[in-house]
Every structure is written in structure tokens, then in C-alpha cells.
Amino acid sequence: MTQRVDLATVMDRLAIDALLTDYAVAVDDGDWLAYRSLFSPDGRADYSSAGGIEGAADEVAEWLAGTLRIFPVRQHLIVNRRLRFGALDGDVGDTAQVQADYTNPMCTRPDGSAPDFECGGRYAFSVLRTRSGWRVTTVVVHEKWRRTAIGPRTAEDLREQPPSPRQRADGS
């Protein structure tokens, strides 16, 4: 490779890194207009492994806005980013796949005292170079663990959790 090609690859990696950071900040700040702008026009998001929905970015942004409203304090950390460039119409580097681990503490109290809810897992991003820069075409959340005020849980535990004895006694 020439230095020019190497520099272009580095610049693309930095742009994609910024895209993922912007994704985390948009979710944490509840900036749903910014969230939507990170996606291609046909972009989709899948939060189903975390108990959420799968759909068009606009639809998922609406769902996130409603769901995350109870957590005024959120802080995604997206780390261990592994990026592989792909080809589109024969041009290498116009698409990329990114796997990145995340941890996400959230608080129901605005003072940011100890998190009531934390989760972690891995994102799988597919991104595309557009005239406006790199955009997310799909993001899939693979939640691996969850910890709430009642203790650690995995996503699978929460889906299979039977009602507590107190819930059964109350009839709820």
C-alpha cells in the first residue's frame, strides 16, 4: 500500500470511530434528531436482545425516547472496536463492519447517584460511506449481562424470570 492509501484508511477509521462515539452521545443525551442523522435513509436498529424492538431508525428513536425517559442519567462506553472494511460495487472501503463492546450504567435519579441499572454486551454495526460521510445502515445490540438494583441478571434471566413470591401473593 502507498502512504496515500494508508492515510485514507486511517482517516476512514477515525471517521467511523467518531460515528460510534456520536451514537453513544446521542443516546446518552436523548438527542433523537442527532441519533436519526447517524443512519442512512434505510437504516435500522435491533434492540430485541435487550427486550426492545427492531425497526427503522426513526421508529427505534421514538421507542428509545419513551423507554429511556425514566433514566435522566445515562453513559454509554463503547470500547474494543474491531473494524473490517468491505467492498461496494467493487470499491474496497465503502462499507465496514464494526463489532464493539459496550457498558451502560443508567440512573433514575437526576443527581447521578449509584446506577440503578447497568448492562453490557456487544454492538454489531454495519456502516456505509455516503456523500454526507459514514452512516449506520444497521446496528444490532447483543446484550450479554444486566445488573439492576435487585442484583445481576443476564438478558435471558430477565426473559425467563418467574414472578416473585410477593407478586404471586398479591395476585399481580
C-alpha atoms as a PDB file:
ATOM      1  CA  MET A   1       0.000   0.000   0.000  1.00  0.00           C
ATOM      2  CA  THR A   2       1.067   3.515  -0.611  1.00  0.00           C
ATOM      3  CA  GLN A   3       1.193   6.126   2.077  1.00  0.00           C
ATOM      4  CA  ARG A   4      -1.780   7.856   0.444  1.00  0.00           C
ATOM      5  CA  VAL A   5      -3.918   4.694   0.732  1.00  0.00           C
ATOM      6  CA  ASP A   6      -2.762   4.135   4.295  1.00  0.00           C
ATOM      7  CA  LEU A   7      -3.689   7.715   5.190  1.00  0.00           C
ATOM      8  CA  ALA A   8      -7.151   7.309   3.617  1.00  0.00           C
ATOM      9  CA  THR A   9      -7.689   4.133   5.668  1.00  0.00           C
ATOM     10  CA  VAL A  10      -6.656   5.910   8.857  1.00  0.00           C
ATOM     11  CA  MET A  11      -8.995   8.804   8.057  1.00  0.00           C
ATOM     12  CA  ASP A  12     -11.883   6.366   7.448  1.00  0.00           C
ATOM     13  CA  ARG A  13     -11.165   4.577  10.725  1.00  0.00           C
ATOM     14  CA  LEU A  14     -11.212   7.894  12.584  1.00  0.00           C
ATOM     15  CA  ALA A  15     -14.476   8.918  10.899  1.00  0.00           C
ATOM     16  CA  ILE A  16     -16.120   5.602  11.805  1.00  0.00           C
ATOM     17  CA  ASP A  17     -14.811   5.892  15.367  1.00  0.00           C
ATOM     18  CA  ALA A  18     -16.397   9.357  15.576  1.00  0.00           C
ATOM     19  CA  LEU A  19     -19.683   7.916  14.221  1.00  0.00           C
ATOM     20  CA  LEU A  20     -19.797   5.336  17.028  1.00  0.00           C
ATOM     21  CA  THR A  21     -18.955   7.965  19.630  1.00  0.00           C
ATOM     22  CA  ASP A  22     -21.689  10.224  18.245  1.00  0.00           C
ATOM     23  CA  TYR A  23     -24.097   7.272  18.507  1.00  0.00           C
ATOM     24  CA  ALA A  24     -23.344   6.812  22.213  1.00  0.00           C
ATOM     25  CA  VAL A  25     -23.558  10.543  22.954  1.00  0.00           C
ATOM     26  CA  ALA A  26     -26.864  10.916  21.075  1.00  0.00           C
ATOM     27  CA  VAL A  27     -28.440   8.076  23.091  1.00  0.00           C
ATOM     28  CA  ASP A  28     -26.993   9.311  26.388  1.00  0.00           C
ATOM     29  CA  ASP A  29     -28.103  12.908  25.777  1.00  0.00           C
ATOM     30  CA  GLY A  30     -31.502  11.894  24.412  1.00  0.00           C
ATOM     31  CA  ASP A  31     -30.747  13.802  21.198  1.00  0.00           C
ATOM     32  CA  TRP A  32     -33.019  11.806  18.920  1.00  0.00           C
ATOM     33  CA  LEU A  33     -32.608  14.166  15.972  1.00  0.00           C
ATOM     34  CA  ALA A  34     -28.835  13.570  16.135  1.00  0.00           C
ATOM     35  CA  TYR A  35     -29.460   9.820  16.571  1.00  0.00           C
ATOM     36  CA  ARG A  36     -31.556   9.716  13.391  1.00  0.00           C
ATOM     37  CA  SER A  37     -28.940  11.689  11.449  1.00  0.00           C
ATOM     38  CA  LEU A  38     -26.333   8.994  12.095  1.00  0.00           C
ATOM     39  CA  PHE A  39     -28.271   6.462   9.998  1.00  0.00           C
ATOM     40  CA  SER A  40     -28.584   6.019   6.258  1.00  0.00           C
ATOM     41  CA  PRO A  41     -32.129   6.706   4.958  1.00  0.00           C
ATOM     42  CA  ASP A  42     -32.928   2.972   5.143  1.00  0.00           C
ATOM     43  CA  GLY A  43     -31.033   2.484   8.444  1.00  0.00           C
ATOM     44  CA  ARG A  44     -32.313   0.004  11.004  1.00  0.00           C
ATOM     45  CA  ALA A  45     -31.635  -0.807  14.656  1.00  0.00           C
ATOM     46  CA  ASP A  46     -32.295  -4.005  16.580  1.00  0.00           C
ATOM     47  CA  TYR A  47     -32.543  -3.873  20.374  1.00  0.00           C
ATOM     48  CA  SER A  48     -34.529  -7.118  20.656  1.00  0.00           C
ATOM     49  CA  SER A  49     -31.828  -8.987  22.633  1.00  0.00           C
ATOM     50  CA  ALA A  50     -32.215  -6.328  25.327  1.00  0.00           C
ATOM     51  CA  GLY A  51     -36.002  -6.591  25.410  1.00  0.00           C
ATOM     52  CA  GLY A  52     -36.504  -3.825  22.868  1.00  0.00           C
ATOM     53  CA  ILE A  53     -37.674  -3.532  19.314  1.00  0.00           C
ATOM     54  CA  GLU A  54     -36.235  -3.926  15.818  1.00  0.00           C
ATOM     55  CA  GLY A  55     -37.137  -1.441  13.148  1.00  0.00           C
ATOM     56  CA  ALA A  56     -36.347   1.620  11.104  1.00  0.00           C
ATOM     57  CA  ALA A  57     -34.089   4.133  12.848  1.00  0.00           C
ATOM     58  CA  ASP A  58     -36.963   6.640  13.183  1.00  0.00           C
ATOM     59  CA  GLU A  59     -39.197   4.056  14.843  1.00  0.00           C
ATOM     60  CA  VAL A  60     -36.436   2.904  17.187  1.00  0.00           C
ATOM     61  CA  ALA A  61     -35.584   6.510  18.098  1.00  0.00           C
ATOM     62  CA  GLU A  62     -39.203   7.032  19.188  1.00  0.00           C
ATOM     63  CA  TRP A  63     -39.110   3.817  21.233  1.00  0.00           C
ATOM     64  CA  LEU A  64     -35.787   4.780  22.863  1.00  0.00           C
ATOM     65  CA  ALA A  65     -37.093   8.255  23.707  1.00  0.00           C
ATOM     66  CA  GLY A  66     -40.032   6.770  25.580  1.00  0.00           C
ATOM     67  CA  THR A  67     -38.151   3.891  27.181  1.00  0.00           C
ATOM     68  CA  LEU A  68     -35.113   5.837  28.369  1.00  0.00           C
ATOM     69  CA  ARG A  69     -37.106   8.767  29.744  1.00  0.00           C
ATOM     70  CA  ILE A  70     -37.020   7.184  33.226  1.00  0.00           C
ATOM     71  CA  PHE A  71     -33.196   7.336  33.203  1.00  0.00           C
ATOM     72  CA  PRO A  72     -32.156  11.011  33.244  1.00  0.00           C
ATOM     73  CA  VAL A  73     -28.512   9.956  33.649  1.00  0.00           C
ATOM     74  CA  ARG A  74     -27.004   7.597  31.031  1.00  0.00           C
ATOM     75  CA  GLN A  75     -23.418   6.971  29.996  1.00  0.00           C
ATOM     76  CA  HIS A  76     -22.569   4.513  27.215  1.00  0.00           C
ATOM     77  CA  LEU A  77     -18.966   3.475  26.906  1.00  0.00           C
ATOM     78  CA  ILE A  78     -18.192   1.803  23.576  1.00  0.00           C
ATOM     79  CA  VAL A  79     -14.826   0.018  23.606  1.00  0.00           C
ATOM     80  CA  ASN A  80     -12.808  -2.781  21.961  1.00  0.00           C
ATOM     81  CA  ARG A  81     -13.806  -1.682  18.469  1.00  0.00           C
ATOM     82  CA  ARG A  82     -12.969  -4.183  15.736  1.00  0.00           C
ATOM     83  CA  LEU A  83     -13.409  -2.828  12.228  1.00  0.00           C
ATOM     84  CA  ARG A  84     -13.327  -4.660   8.887  1.00  0.00           C
ATOM     85  CA  PHE A  85     -13.718  -2.817   5.593  1.00  0.00           C
ATOM     86  CA  GLY A  86     -15.831  -4.350   2.868  1.00  0.00           C
ATOM     87  CA  ALA A  87     -16.481  -3.666  -0.803  1.00  0.00           C
ATOM     88  CA  LEU A  88     -19.411  -1.974  -2.515  1.00  0.00           C
ATOM     89  CA  ASP A  89     -19.686  -2.124  -6.288  1.00  0.00           C
ATOM     90  CA  GLY A  90     -16.057  -3.237  -6.411  1.00  0.00           C
ATOM     91  CA  ASP A  91     -14.724  -0.329  -4.359  1.00  0.00           C
ATOM     92  CA  VAL A  92     -12.994  -1.582  -1.240  1.00  0.00           C
ATOM     93  CA  GLY A  93     -13.566   0.640   1.770  1.00  0.00           C
ATOM     94  CA  ASP A  94     -17.059   1.939   1.088  1.00  0.00           C
ATOM     95  CA  THR A  95     -18.632  -0.346   3.672  1.00  0.00           C
ATOM     96  CA  ALA A  96     -17.449  -1.606   7.035  1.00  0.00           C
ATOM     97  CA  GLN A  97     -18.491  -3.955   9.804  1.00  0.00           C
ATOM     98  CA  VAL A  98     -17.715  -2.935  13.366  1.00  0.00           C
ATOM     99  CA  GLN A  99     -18.048  -5.021  16.490  1.00  0.00           C
ATOM    100  CA  ALA A 100     -17.719  -3.030  19.680  1.00  0.00           C
ATOM    101  CA  ASP A 101     -18.312  -3.907  23.307  1.00  0.00           C
ATOM    102  CA  TYR A 102     -20.369  -1.594  25.474  1.00  0.00           C
ATOM    103  CA  THR A 103     -21.208  -0.965  29.078  1.00  0.00           C
ATOM    104  CA  ASN A 104     -24.054   1.331  30.004  1.00  0.00           C
ATOM    105  CA  PRO A 105     -24.795   2.493  33.560  1.00  0.00           C
ATOM    106  CA  MET A 106     -28.050   4.438  33.990  1.00  0.00           C
ATOM    107  CA  CYS A 107     -29.620   6.223  36.947  1.00  0.00           C
ATOM    108  CA  THR A 108     -33.250   7.021  37.670  1.00  0.00           C
ATOM    109  CA  ARG A 109     -32.208   9.895  39.942  1.00  0.00           C
ATOM    110  CA  PRO A 110     -31.017  13.124  38.292  1.00  0.00           C
ATOM    111  CA  ASP A 111     -28.236  13.541  40.884  1.00  0.00           C
ATOM    112  CA  GLY A 112     -26.408  10.626  39.256  1.00  0.00           C
ATOM    113  CA  SER A 113     -26.010   8.671  42.477  1.00  0.00           C
ATOM    114  CA  ALA A 114     -25.256   4.953  42.163  1.00  0.00           C
ATOM    115  CA  PRO A 115     -26.658   3.403  38.985  1.00  0.00           C
ATOM    116  CA  ASP A 116     -29.995   1.626  39.283  1.00  0.00           C
ATOM    117  CA  PHE A 117     -29.400  -0.235  36.067  1.00  0.00           C
ATOM    118  CA  GLU A 118     -26.324  -1.352  34.157  1.00  0.00           C
ATOM    119  CA  CYS A 119     -25.995  -3.507  31.100  1.00  0.00           C
ATOM    120  CA  GLY A 120     -23.267  -4.602  28.767  1.00  0.00           C
ATOM    121  CA  GLY A 121     -22.742  -6.507  25.604  1.00  0.00           C
ATOM    122  CA  ARG A 122     -21.648  -6.058  22.033  1.00  0.00           C
ATOM    123  CA  TYR A 123     -22.860  -3.876  19.201  1.00  0.00           C
ATOM    124  CA  ALA A 124     -22.635  -5.052  15.599  1.00  0.00           C
ATOM    125  CA  PHE A 125     -22.619  -2.013  13.309  1.00  0.00           C
ATOM    126  CA  SER A 126     -22.772  -2.049   9.525  1.00  0.00           C
ATOM    127  CA  VAL A 127     -21.734   1.304   8.109  1.00  0.00           C
ATOM    128  CA  LEU A 128     -21.713   2.826   4.645  1.00  0.00           C
ATOM    129  CA  ARG A 129     -19.762   5.703   3.124  1.00  0.00           C
ATOM    130  CA  THR A 130     -22.251   8.265   1.769  1.00  0.00           C
ATOM    131  CA  ARG A 131     -21.891  11.739   0.260  1.00  0.00           C
ATOM    132  CA  SER A 132     -22.583  13.032   3.796  1.00  0.00           C
ATOM    133  CA  GLY A 133     -19.926  10.833   5.394  1.00  0.00           C
ATOM    134  CA  TRP A 134     -20.152   7.461   7.103  1.00  0.00           C
ATOM    135  CA  ARG A 135     -23.660   6.403   8.196  1.00  0.00           C
ATOM    136  CA  VAL A 136     -25.054   3.422  10.100  1.00  0.00           C
ATOM    137  CA  THR A 137     -27.055   1.036   7.927  1.00  0.00           C
ATOM    138  CA  THR A 138     -27.734  -1.413  10.764  1.00  0.00           C
ATOM    139  CA  VAL A 139     -26.901  -1.735  14.407  1.00  0.00           C
ATOM    140  CA  VAL A 140     -27.710  -4.871  16.366  1.00  0.00           C
ATOM    141  CA  VAL A 141     -27.426  -4.931  20.150  1.00  0.00           C
ATOM    142  CA  HIS A 142     -26.256  -8.220  21.657  1.00  0.00           C
ATOM    143  CA  GLU A 143     -26.858  -7.737  25.380  1.00  0.00           C
ATOM    144  CA  LYS A 144     -24.727 -10.134  27.445  1.00  0.00           C
ATOM    145  CA  TRP A 145     -25.474  -9.056  31.002  1.00  0.00           C
ATOM    146  CA  ARG A 146     -27.665  -6.796  33.068  1.00  0.00           C
ATOM    147  CA  ARG A 147     -27.481  -5.631  36.675  1.00  0.00           C
ATOM    148  CA  THR A 148     -30.362  -3.897  38.409  1.00  0.00           C
ATOM    149  CA  ALA A 149     -30.975  -2.687  41.944  1.00  0.00           C
ATOM    150  CA  ILE A 150     -32.134  -6.247  42.689  1.00  0.00           C
ATOM    151  CA  GLY A 151     -28.847  -7.810  41.523  1.00  0.00           C
ATOM    152  CA  PRO A 152     -27.081  -9.166  38.459  1.00  0.00           C
ATOM    153  CA  ARG A 153     -29.116 -10.645  35.625  1.00  0.00           C
ATOM    154  CA  THR A 154     -28.480 -11.725  32.076  1.00  0.00           C
ATOM    155  CA  ALA A 155     -30.909 -10.811  29.328  1.00  0.00           C
ATOM    156  CA  GLU A 156     -32.009 -14.461  29.248  1.00  0.00           C
ATOM    157  CA  ASP A 157     -32.647 -14.455  33.034  1.00  0.00           C
ATOM    158  CA  LEU A 158     -34.945 -11.467  32.698  1.00  0.00           C
ATOM    159  CA  ARG A 159     -36.962 -13.073  29.905  1.00  0.00           C
ATOM    160  CA  GLU A 160     -37.383 -16.269  31.942  1.00  0.00           C
ATOM    161  CA  GLN A 161     -37.755 -14.702  35.397  1.00  0.00           C
ATOM    162  CA  PRO A 162     -40.800 -16.152  37.180  1.00  0.00           C
ATOM    163  CA  PRO A 163     -42.918 -13.816  39.301  1.00  0.00           C
ATOM    164  CA  SER A 164     -41.554 -13.255  42.779  1.00  0.00           C
ATOM    165  CA  PRO A 165     -43.406 -14.827  45.746  1.00  0.00           C
ATOM    166  CA  ARG A 166     -44.574 -11.336  46.686  1.00  0.00           C
ATOM    167  CA  GLN A 167     -46.033 -10.783  43.205  1.00  0.00           C
ATOM    168  CA  ARG A 168     -47.852 -14.132  43.359  1.00  0.00           C
ATOM    169  CA  ALA A 169     -49.200 -13.411  46.852  1.00  0.00           C
ATOM    170  CA  ASP A 170     -50.527 -10.058  45.664  1.00  0.00           C
ATOM    171  CA  GLY A 171     -52.058 -11.676  42.609  1.00  0.00           C
ATOM    172  CA  SER A 172     -50.045  -9.391  40.354  1.00  0.00           C
END
